[in-house]
Amino acid sequence: MPHVVATYAYTSDTAARDAVRASHREYLGSLDGLLLSGPTSAAGAVLVFEAGSPADVEALLDADPFVTHGGIVAERTVVAWDVVLGRWADRS
């Protein structure tokens, strides 16, 4: 199945992020196609999915509490990703 990578850039509202983090992680943990996710040092996050298309992931992320509660995600990108090399490439 194809891979899709999403990135979040957070707003500076850390209080809102802290308040919603538990429900955000619970929601992401319920997604079957999510392979990896976690925060970055650039006040954002990376999420890697096995999914049919970027549009499929967009629909999932539209329901993420970090997205539905304003003031947390300032910018989001979702792109298809062709895994070619690396130690995990054979898992694709």
Protein backbone atom coordinates (compact mmCIF):
# COMPACT_ATOMS: atom_id res chain seq x y z
CA MET A 1 0.00 0.00 0.00
CA PRO A 2 1.26 3.52 -0.76
CA HIS A 3 2.66 5.77 1.93
CA VAL A 4 1.50 9.26 2.76
CA VAL A 5 3.37 11.77 4.92
CA ALA A 6 1.67 14.60 6.75
CA THR A 7 3.33 17.46 8.56
CA TYR A 8 1.84 19.85 11.07
CA ALA A 9 3.18 23.28 11.98
CA TYR A 10 1.75 24.35 15.31
CA THR A 11 0.70 27.81 16.42
CA SER A 12 2.38 29.30 19.47
CA ASP A 13 -0.65 28.47 21.65
CA THR A 14 0.98 25.79 23.79
CA ALA A 15 -1.83 25.93 26.37
CA ALA A 16 -4.38 24.84 23.74
CA ARG A 17 -2.01 22.10 22.56
CA ASP A 18 -1.50 20.83 26.11
CA ALA A 19 -5.26 20.83 26.76
CA VAL A 20 -6.07 18.72 23.69
CA ARG A 21 -2.97 16.48 23.52
CA ALA A 22 -4.55 13.45 25.22
CA SER A 23 -7.55 13.34 22.87
CA HIS A 24 -5.25 14.01 19.89
CA ARG A 25 -3.06 11.03 20.78
CA GLU A 26 -6.08 8.83 21.50
CA TYR A 27 -7.53 9.70 18.10
CA LEU A 28 -4.28 9.05 16.24
CA GLY A 29 -3.82 5.80 18.14
CA SER A 30 -7.16 4.59 16.80
CA LEU A 31 -6.10 4.98 13.14
CA ASP A 32 -5.18 1.64 11.55
CA GLY A 33 -3.09 3.19 8.79
CA LEU A 34 -0.85 5.31 11.01
CA LEU A 35 2.69 3.90 11.01
CA LEU A 36 4.60 6.59 12.91
CA SER A 37 3.94 9.99 14.39
CA GLY A 38 5.55 12.41 16.75
CA PRO A 39 6.48 16.00 17.44
CA THR A 40 9.45 17.72 15.84
CA SER A 41 11.91 20.22 17.25
CA ALA A 42 10.38 22.84 14.93
CA ALA A 43 7.06 23.12 16.83
CA GLY A 44 5.24 20.69 14.61
CA ALA A 45 4.83 17.00 13.90
CA VAL A 46 5.38 14.34 11.26
CA LEU A 47 2.86 11.57 10.63
CA VAL A 48 3.46 8.62 8.29
CA PHE A 49 0.55 6.56 6.99
CA GLU A 50 -0.16 3.58 4.81
CA ALA A 51 -3.08 4.92 2.83
CA GLY A 52 -4.63 4.89 -0.59
CA SER A 53 -4.07 8.57 -1.26
CA PRO A 54 -3.28 11.94 0.30
CA ALA A 55 -7.00 12.73 0.11
CA ASP A 56 -7.74 9.71 2.33
CA VAL A 57 -5.28 11.01 4.95
CA GLU A 58 -6.64 14.57 4.65
CA ALA A 59 -10.08 13.20 5.56
CA LEU A 60 -8.67 11.40 8.61
CA LEU A 61 -6.73 14.44 9.78
CA ASP A 62 -9.77 16.70 9.40
CA ALA A 63 -11.17 14.83 12.44
CA ASP A 64 -7.96 15.09 14.54
CA PRO A 65 -8.70 17.03 17.73
CA PHE A 66 -5.59 19.14 17.04
CA VAL A 67 -7.36 20.26 13.84
CA THR A 68 -10.93 20.49 15.10
CA HIS A 69 -9.94 22.62 18.10
CA GLY A 70 -8.74 25.94 16.71
CA GLY A 71 -5.44 27.48 17.62
CA ILE A 72 -3.24 24.39 17.39
CA VAL A 73 -2.41 23.54 13.75
CA ALA A 74 -1.36 26.59 11.76
CA GLU A 75 -0.36 24.70 8.63
CA ARG A 76 -0.67 21.16 7.34
CA THR A 77 0.81 19.39 4.33
CA VAL A 78 -0.12 15.93 3.10
CA VAL A 79 1.83 14.28 0.28
CA ALA A 80 2.30 10.85 -1.26
CA TRP A 81 5.70 9.31 -0.52
CA ASP A 82 7.53 6.68 -2.55
CA VAL A 83 9.80 4.74 -0.22
CA VAL A 84 12.93 3.72 -2.17
CA LEU A 85 15.87 3.26 0.20
CA GLY A 86 16.58 2.73 3.87
CA ARG A 87 16.45 0.03 6.50
CA TRP A 88 12.67 0.13 6.58
CA ALA A 89 12.18 0.24 2.80
CA ASP A 90 11.58 -3.52 2.66
CA ARG A 91 8.63 -3.09 5.04
CA SER A 92 6.78 -1.08 2.40
